[in-house]
Amino acid sequence: HDVQQTSDGGYIITGQTKSFGNGYSDVWLIKTNSEGVEEWNKTFGGGESETGYSVQQTSDGGYILTGITNSYGKGKQDLYLIKTNSEGVEEWSKTFGGSENDYGFSVQQTTDGGYIITGRSGNGNYNMDVILIKTSSDGSEEWSKYFGGIGSDGGNSIQITNDGGYVIIGETSSFGNGDSDVWLIKT
């Protein structure tokens, strides 16, 4: 689902595998060199299905991933946040969500060493809402916000802006001109 170039010129990839791991499907993290040759790969998850949607190299040379988990957390599917070291070994993982489905689609490290995550949540005000979660460097939630209307809405990608805020691109069926429209949110 996502690939980023790493500081050594290689690549870090995340997605899902049903071939390896602990359950039906697991988050898959693959590190390659600059030629695309695999250096290592790791899986994360429990007995149910997990998927990785976004990965970024962190300032300490490790990696931060977000996605979904059915094995851990409070609800049906929960937002899954995983921090690894530079070799892909898990340092910690956190789940976020309530009794309904929650998805993590994009994560970035913030200037204070924490993380900002966007996705979609069934635990907001309406059907499905854009979710925005800010965590500390150890993944503890500092705050969360929901954006949406009576339709289905979701955040697909997040970036930190020059003024220290955030910009989210996603989709909305609550606002706009049609069944589903592009939604740009600045906070």
C-alpha atoms as a PDB file:
ATOM      1  CA  HIS A   1       0.000   0.000   0.000  1.00  0.00           C
ATOM      2  CA  ASP A   2       2.875   2.455   0.586  1.00  0.00           C
ATOM      3  CA  VAL A   3       6.545   2.898  -0.241  1.00  0.00           C
ATOM      4  CA  GLN A   4       9.063   5.548   0.839  1.00  0.00           C
ATOM      5  CA  GLN A   5      12.744   6.021   0.092  1.00  0.00           C
ATOM      6  CA  THR A   6      14.965   5.568   3.136  1.00  0.00           C
ATOM      7  CA  SER A   7      17.979   7.632   4.188  1.00  0.00           C
ATOM      8  CA  ASP A   8      20.382   4.968   2.828  1.00  0.00           C
ATOM      9  CA  GLY A   9      18.838   5.172  -0.658  1.00  0.00           C
ATOM     10  CA  GLY A  10      16.807   1.994  -0.252  1.00  0.00           C
ATOM     11  CA  TYR A  11      13.070   1.614   0.154  1.00  0.00           C
ATOM     12  CA  ILE A  12      10.624   0.738   2.920  1.00  0.00           C
ATOM     13  CA  ILE A  13       7.330  -0.864   1.903  1.00  0.00           C
ATOM     14  CA  THR A  14       4.200  -1.735   3.851  1.00  0.00           C
ATOM     15  CA  GLY A  15       1.075  -3.647   2.984  1.00  0.00           C
ATOM     16  CA  GLN A  16      -0.490  -6.981   3.816  1.00  0.00           C
ATOM     17  CA  THR A  17       0.572 -10.609   3.523  1.00  0.00           C
ATOM     18  CA  LYS A  18      -1.374 -13.828   3.748  1.00  0.00           C
ATOM     19  CA  SER A  19       1.765 -15.885   3.029  1.00  0.00           C
ATOM     20  CA  PHE A  20       3.640 -15.171   6.259  1.00  0.00           C
ATOM     21  CA  GLY A  21       2.853 -14.163   9.855  1.00  0.00           C
ATOM     22  CA  ASN A  22       0.520 -15.140  12.648  1.00  0.00           C
ATOM     23  CA  GLY A  23      -3.021 -14.935  11.333  1.00  0.00           C
ATOM     24  CA  TYR A  24      -5.296 -14.694   8.339  1.00  0.00           C
ATOM     25  CA  SER A  25      -3.310 -11.682   7.117  1.00  0.00           C
ATOM     26  CA  ASP A  26      -0.643  -9.514   8.739  1.00  0.00           C
ATOM     27  CA  VAL A  27       0.952  -6.118   8.302  1.00  0.00           C
ATOM     28  CA  TRP A  28       4.021  -6.647   6.103  1.00  0.00           C
ATOM     29  CA  LEU A  29       7.102  -4.423   6.324  1.00  0.00           C
ATOM     30  CA  ILE A  30       9.824  -4.914   3.697  1.00  0.00           C
ATOM     31  CA  LYS A  31      13.182  -3.117   3.502  1.00  0.00           C
ATOM     32  CA  THR A  32      15.130  -3.172   0.229  1.00  0.00           C
ATOM     33  CA  ASN A  33      18.394  -1.686  -0.962  1.00  0.00           C
ATOM     34  CA  SER A  34      18.519   0.934  -3.726  1.00  0.00           C
ATOM     35  CA  GLU A  35      18.222  -1.804  -6.380  1.00  0.00           C
ATOM     36  CA  GLY A  36      15.047  -3.236  -4.822  1.00  0.00           C
ATOM     37  CA  VAL A  37      16.785  -6.307  -3.404  1.00  0.00           C
ATOM     38  CA  GLU A  38      15.152  -7.365  -0.120  1.00  0.00           C
ATOM     39  CA  GLU A  39      17.315  -6.800   2.973  1.00  0.00           C
ATOM     40  CA  TRP A  40      14.702  -7.977   5.485  1.00  0.00           C
ATOM     41  CA  ASN A  41      10.969  -8.300   6.038  1.00  0.00           C
ATOM     42  CA  LYS A  42       8.801  -8.402   9.159  1.00  0.00           C
ATOM     43  CA  THR A  43       5.160  -9.175   9.902  1.00  0.00           C
ATOM     44  CA  PHE A  44       2.932  -7.759  12.638  1.00  0.00           C
ATOM     45  CA  GLY A  45      -0.415  -8.996  13.857  1.00  0.00           C
ATOM     46  CA  GLY A  46      -2.358 -11.614  15.753  1.00  0.00           C
ATOM     47  CA  GLY A  47      -4.744 -14.410  14.856  1.00  0.00           C
ATOM     48  CA  GLU A  48      -7.111 -12.230  12.797  1.00  0.00           C
ATOM     49  CA  SER A  49      -6.452  -9.929   9.819  1.00  0.00           C
ATOM     50  CA  GLU A  50      -4.201  -6.853   9.793  1.00  0.00           C
ATOM     51  CA  THR A  51      -3.124  -4.474   7.009  1.00  0.00           C
ATOM     52  CA  GLY A  52      -0.464  -1.763   6.796  1.00  0.00           C
ATOM     53  CA  TYR A  53      -1.419   1.346   4.808  1.00  0.00           C
ATOM     54  CA  SER A  54       1.317   3.910   5.516  1.00  0.00           C
ATOM     55  CA  VAL A  55       4.986   3.866   6.526  1.00  0.00           C
ATOM     56  CA  GLN A  56       7.591   6.563   7.183  1.00  0.00           C
ATOM     57  CA  GLN A  57      11.177   6.462   8.366  1.00  0.00           C
ATOM     58  CA  THR A  58      11.492   8.230  11.713  1.00  0.00           C
ATOM     59  CA  SER A  59      14.189  10.618  12.907  1.00  0.00           C
ATOM     60  CA  ASP A  60      15.889   7.818  14.901  1.00  0.00           C
ATOM     61  CA  GLY A  61      16.248   5.667  11.756  1.00  0.00           C
ATOM     62  CA  GLY A  62      13.323   3.394  12.666  1.00  0.00           C
ATOM     63  CA  TYR A  63       9.887   3.234  11.083  1.00  0.00           C
ATOM     64  CA  ILE A  64       6.330   4.228  11.972  1.00  0.00           C
ATOM     65  CA  LEU A  65       3.433   2.341  10.371  1.00  0.00           C
ATOM     66  CA  THR A  66      -0.316   2.716  10.499  1.00  0.00           C
ATOM     67  CA  GLY A  67      -3.108   0.476   9.321  1.00  0.00           C
ATOM     68  CA  ILE A  68      -5.873  -1.677  10.761  1.00  0.00           C
ATOM     69  CA  THR A  69      -6.088  -4.597  13.164  1.00  0.00           C
ATOM     70  CA  ASN A  70      -8.808  -7.127  13.892  1.00  0.00           C
ATOM     71  CA  SER A  71      -6.711  -8.961  16.509  1.00  0.00           C
ATOM     72  CA  TYR A  72      -6.214  -6.166  19.034  1.00  0.00           C
ATOM     73  CA  GLY A  73      -8.126  -3.181  20.395  1.00  0.00           C
ATOM     74  CA  LYS A  74     -11.683  -2.461  21.470  1.00  0.00           C
ATOM     75  CA  GLY A  75     -13.857  -2.853  18.413  1.00  0.00           C
ATOM     76  CA  LYS A  76     -14.460  -4.607  15.132  1.00  0.00           C
ATOM     77  CA  GLN A  77     -11.425  -3.104  13.377  1.00  0.00           C
ATOM     78  CA  ASP A  78      -9.153  -0.662  15.135  1.00  0.00           C
ATOM     79  CA  LEU A  79      -6.561   1.799  13.917  1.00  0.00           C
ATOM     80  CA  TYR A  80      -3.128   0.185  14.369  1.00  0.00           C
ATOM     81  CA  LEU A  81       0.079   2.160  15.011  1.00  0.00           C
ATOM     82  CA  ILE A  82       3.435   0.338  15.095  1.00  0.00           C
ATOM     83  CA  LYS A  83       6.910   1.732  15.830  1.00  0.00           C
ATOM     84  CA  THR A  84       9.986  -0.298  14.883  1.00  0.00           C
ATOM     85  CA  ASN A  85      13.729   0.152  15.104  1.00  0.00           C
ATOM     86  CA  SER A  86      15.939   0.400  12.011  1.00  0.00           C
ATOM     87  CA  GLU A  87      15.877  -3.393  11.581  1.00  0.00           C
ATOM     88  CA  GLY A  88      12.073  -3.599  11.680  1.00  0.00           C
ATOM     89  CA  VAL A  89      11.911  -4.997  15.211  1.00  0.00           C
ATOM     90  CA  GLU A  90       8.776  -3.761  16.991  1.00  0.00           C
ATOM     91  CA  GLU A  91       9.452  -1.266  19.795  1.00  0.00           C
ATOM     92  CA  TRP A  92       5.782  -0.670  20.592  1.00  0.00           C
ATOM     93  CA  SER A  93       2.305  -0.772  19.088  1.00  0.00           C
ATOM     94  CA  LYS A  94      -0.945   1.003  19.934  1.00  0.00           C
ATOM     95  CA  THR A  95      -4.566   0.703  18.878  1.00  0.00           C
ATOM     96  CA  PHE A  96      -7.147   3.470  18.646  1.00  0.00           C
ATOM     97  CA  GLY A  97     -10.882   3.166  18.253  1.00  0.00           C
ATOM     98  CA  GLY A  98     -14.180   2.326  19.801  1.00  0.00           C
ATOM     99  CA  SER A  99     -16.889  -0.259  19.201  1.00  0.00           C
ATOM    100  CA  GLU A 100     -17.166   0.535  15.467  1.00  0.00           C
ATOM    101  CA  ASN A 101     -14.578   0.282  12.664  1.00  0.00           C
ATOM    102  CA  ASP A 102     -11.526   2.558  12.680  1.00  0.00           C
ATOM    103  CA  TYR A 103      -8.865   2.761   9.970  1.00  0.00           C
ATOM    104  CA  GLY A 104      -5.400   4.350   9.847  1.00  0.00           C
ATOM    105  CA  PHE A 105      -4.474   5.364   6.305  1.00  0.00           C
ATOM    106  CA  SER A 106      -1.613   7.850   6.718  1.00  0.00           C
ATOM    107  CA  VAL A 107       0.988   8.715   9.379  1.00  0.00           C
ATOM    108  CA  GLN A 108       3.736  11.333   9.650  1.00  0.00           C
ATOM    109  CA  GLN A 109       6.239  12.109  12.375  1.00  0.00           C
ATOM    110  CA  THR A 110       5.695  15.574  13.852  1.00  0.00           C
ATOM    111  CA  THR A 111       8.381  18.119  14.752  1.00  0.00           C
ATOM    112  CA  ASP A 112       8.012  17.314  18.464  1.00  0.00           C
ATOM    113  CA  GLY A 113       8.835  13.639  17.821  1.00  0.00           C
ATOM    114  CA  GLY A 114       5.225  12.493  18.054  1.00  0.00           C
ATOM    115  CA  TYR A 115       2.958  11.307  15.267  1.00  0.00           C
ATOM    116  CA  ILE A 116      -0.082  12.555  13.367  1.00  0.00           C
ATOM    117  CA  ILE A 117      -2.478  10.008  11.863  1.00  0.00           C
ATOM    118  CA  THR A 118      -5.519  10.267   9.623  1.00  0.00           C
ATOM    119  CA  GLY A 119      -8.043   7.721   8.452  1.00  0.00           C
ATOM    120  CA  ARG A 120     -11.706   7.041   8.977  1.00  0.00           C
ATOM    121  CA  SER A 121     -13.791   6.152  11.993  1.00  0.00           C
ATOM    122  CA  GLY A 122     -17.273   4.867  12.693  1.00  0.00           C
ATOM    123  CA  ASN A 123     -16.973   6.230  16.227  1.00  0.00           C
ATOM    124  CA  GLY A 124     -17.324   9.924  15.381  1.00  0.00           C
ATOM    125  CA  ASN A 125     -20.527  11.920  15.075  1.00  0.00           C
ATOM    126  CA  TYR A 126     -22.026  10.234  12.012  1.00  0.00           C
ATOM    127  CA  ASN A 127     -21.751   7.213   9.717  1.00  0.00           C
ATOM    128  CA  MET A 128     -17.998   7.383   8.956  1.00  0.00           C
ATOM    129  CA  ASP A 129     -15.887  10.444   9.700  1.00  0.00           C
ATOM    130  CA  VAL A 130     -12.372  11.624   8.989  1.00  0.00           C
ATOM    131  CA  ILE A 131     -10.301  10.977  12.106  1.00  0.00           C
ATOM    132  CA  LEU A 132      -7.210  12.960  13.084  1.00  0.00           C
ATOM    133  CA  ILE A 133      -5.110  11.655  15.988  1.00  0.00           C
ATOM    134  CA  LYS A 134      -2.022  13.282  17.514  1.00  0.00           C
ATOM    135  CA  THR A 135       0.241  11.113  19.658  1.00  0.00           C
ATOM    136  CA  SER A 136       3.377  11.595  21.722  1.00  0.00           C
ATOM    137  CA  SER A 137       6.664   9.932  20.768  1.00  0.00           C
ATOM    138  CA  ASP A 138       5.630   6.743  22.582  1.00  0.00           C
ATOM    139  CA  GLY A 139       2.286   6.545  20.751  1.00  0.00           C
ATOM    140  CA  SER A 140       0.123   7.800  23.625  1.00  0.00           C
ATOM    141  CA  GLU A 141      -2.866   9.778  22.381  1.00  0.00           C
ATOM    142  CA  GLU A 142      -2.615  13.543  23.027  1.00  0.00           C
ATOM    143  CA  TRP A 143      -5.831  14.474  21.210  1.00  0.00           C
ATOM    144  CA  SER A 144      -8.200  13.378  18.463  1.00  0.00           C
ATOM    145  CA  LYS A 145     -10.650  15.204  16.197  1.00  0.00           C
ATOM    146  CA  TYR A 146     -13.441  14.084  13.882  1.00  0.00           C
ATOM    147  CA  PHE A 147     -14.584  15.810  10.674  1.00  0.00           C
ATOM    148  CA  GLY A 148     -17.660  14.851   8.688  1.00  0.00           C
ATOM    149  CA  GLY A 149     -21.344  15.025   8.039  1.00  0.00           C
ATOM    150  CA  ILE A 150     -24.211  12.588   7.716  1.00  0.00           C
ATOM    151  CA  GLY A 151     -22.598  10.649   4.843  1.00  0.00           C
ATOM    152  CA  SER A 152     -19.443   8.572   4.706  1.00  0.00           C
ATOM    153  CA  ASP A 153     -16.181  10.557   4.987  1.00  0.00           C
ATOM    154  CA  GLY A 154     -12.533   9.554   5.323  1.00  0.00           C
ATOM    155  CA  GLY A 155      -8.975  10.883   5.342  1.00  0.00           C
ATOM    156  CA  ASN A 156      -6.498   9.175   2.997  1.00  0.00           C
ATOM    157  CA  SER A 157      -3.283  11.194   3.363  1.00  0.00           C
ATOM    158  CA  ILE A 158      -1.851  13.754   5.776  1.00  0.00           C
ATOM    159  CA  GLN A 159       1.029  16.226   5.606  1.00  0.00           C
ATOM    160  CA  ILE A 160       2.424  18.717   8.093  1.00  0.00           C
ATOM    161  CA  THR A 161       2.191  22.304   6.839  1.00  0.00           C
ATOM    162  CA  ASN A 162       4.770  25.103   7.169  1.00  0.00           C
ATOM    163  CA  ASP A 163       2.672  26.830   9.838  1.00  0.00           C
ATOM    164  CA  GLY A 164       2.706  23.743  12.076  1.00  0.00           C
ATOM    165  CA  GLY A 165      -0.809  22.662  11.157  1.00  0.00           C
ATOM    166  CA  TYR A 166      -1.969  19.733   9.070  1.00  0.00           C
ATOM    167  CA  VAL A 167      -3.525  19.201   5.665  1.00  0.00           C
ATOM    168  CA  ILE A 168      -5.660  16.130   4.952  1.00  0.00           C
ATOM    169  CA  ILE A 169      -6.846  14.858   1.590  1.00  0.00           C
ATOM    170  CA  GLY A 170      -9.723  12.437   1.597  1.00  0.00           C
ATOM    171  CA  GLU A 171     -13.225  11.871   0.383  1.00  0.00           C
ATOM    172  CA  THR A 172     -16.689  12.969   1.410  1.00  0.00           C
ATOM    173  CA  SER A 173     -20.214  11.924   0.571  1.00  0.00           C
ATOM    174  CA  SER A 174     -21.545  14.457   3.112  1.00  0.00           C
ATOM    175  CA  PHE A 175     -20.513  17.590   1.222  1.00  0.00           C
ATOM    176  CA  GLY A 176     -19.844  18.640  -2.368  1.00  0.00           C
ATOM    177  CA  ASN A 177     -21.603  18.045  -5.654  1.00  0.00           C
ATOM    178  CA  GLY A 178     -21.911  14.311  -6.086  1.00  0.00           C
ATOM    179  CA  ASP A 179     -21.995  10.898  -4.532  1.00  0.00           C
ATOM    180  CA  SER A 180     -18.378  11.111  -3.375  1.00  0.00           C
ATOM    181  CA  ASP A 181     -16.109  14.139  -3.728  1.00  0.00           C
ATOM    182  CA  VAL A 182     -12.470  14.954  -2.977  1.00  0.00           C
ATOM    183  CA  TRP A 183     -12.182  16.649   0.412  1.00  0.00           C
ATOM    184  CA  LEU A 184      -9.257  18.878   1.408  1.00  0.00           C
ATOM    185  CA  ILE A 185      -9.098  19.836   5.097  1.00  0.00           C
ATOM    186  CA  LYS A 186      -6.601  22.279   6.642  1.00  0.00           C
ATOM    187  CA  THR A 187      -6.216  22.448  10.429  1.00  0.00           C
END
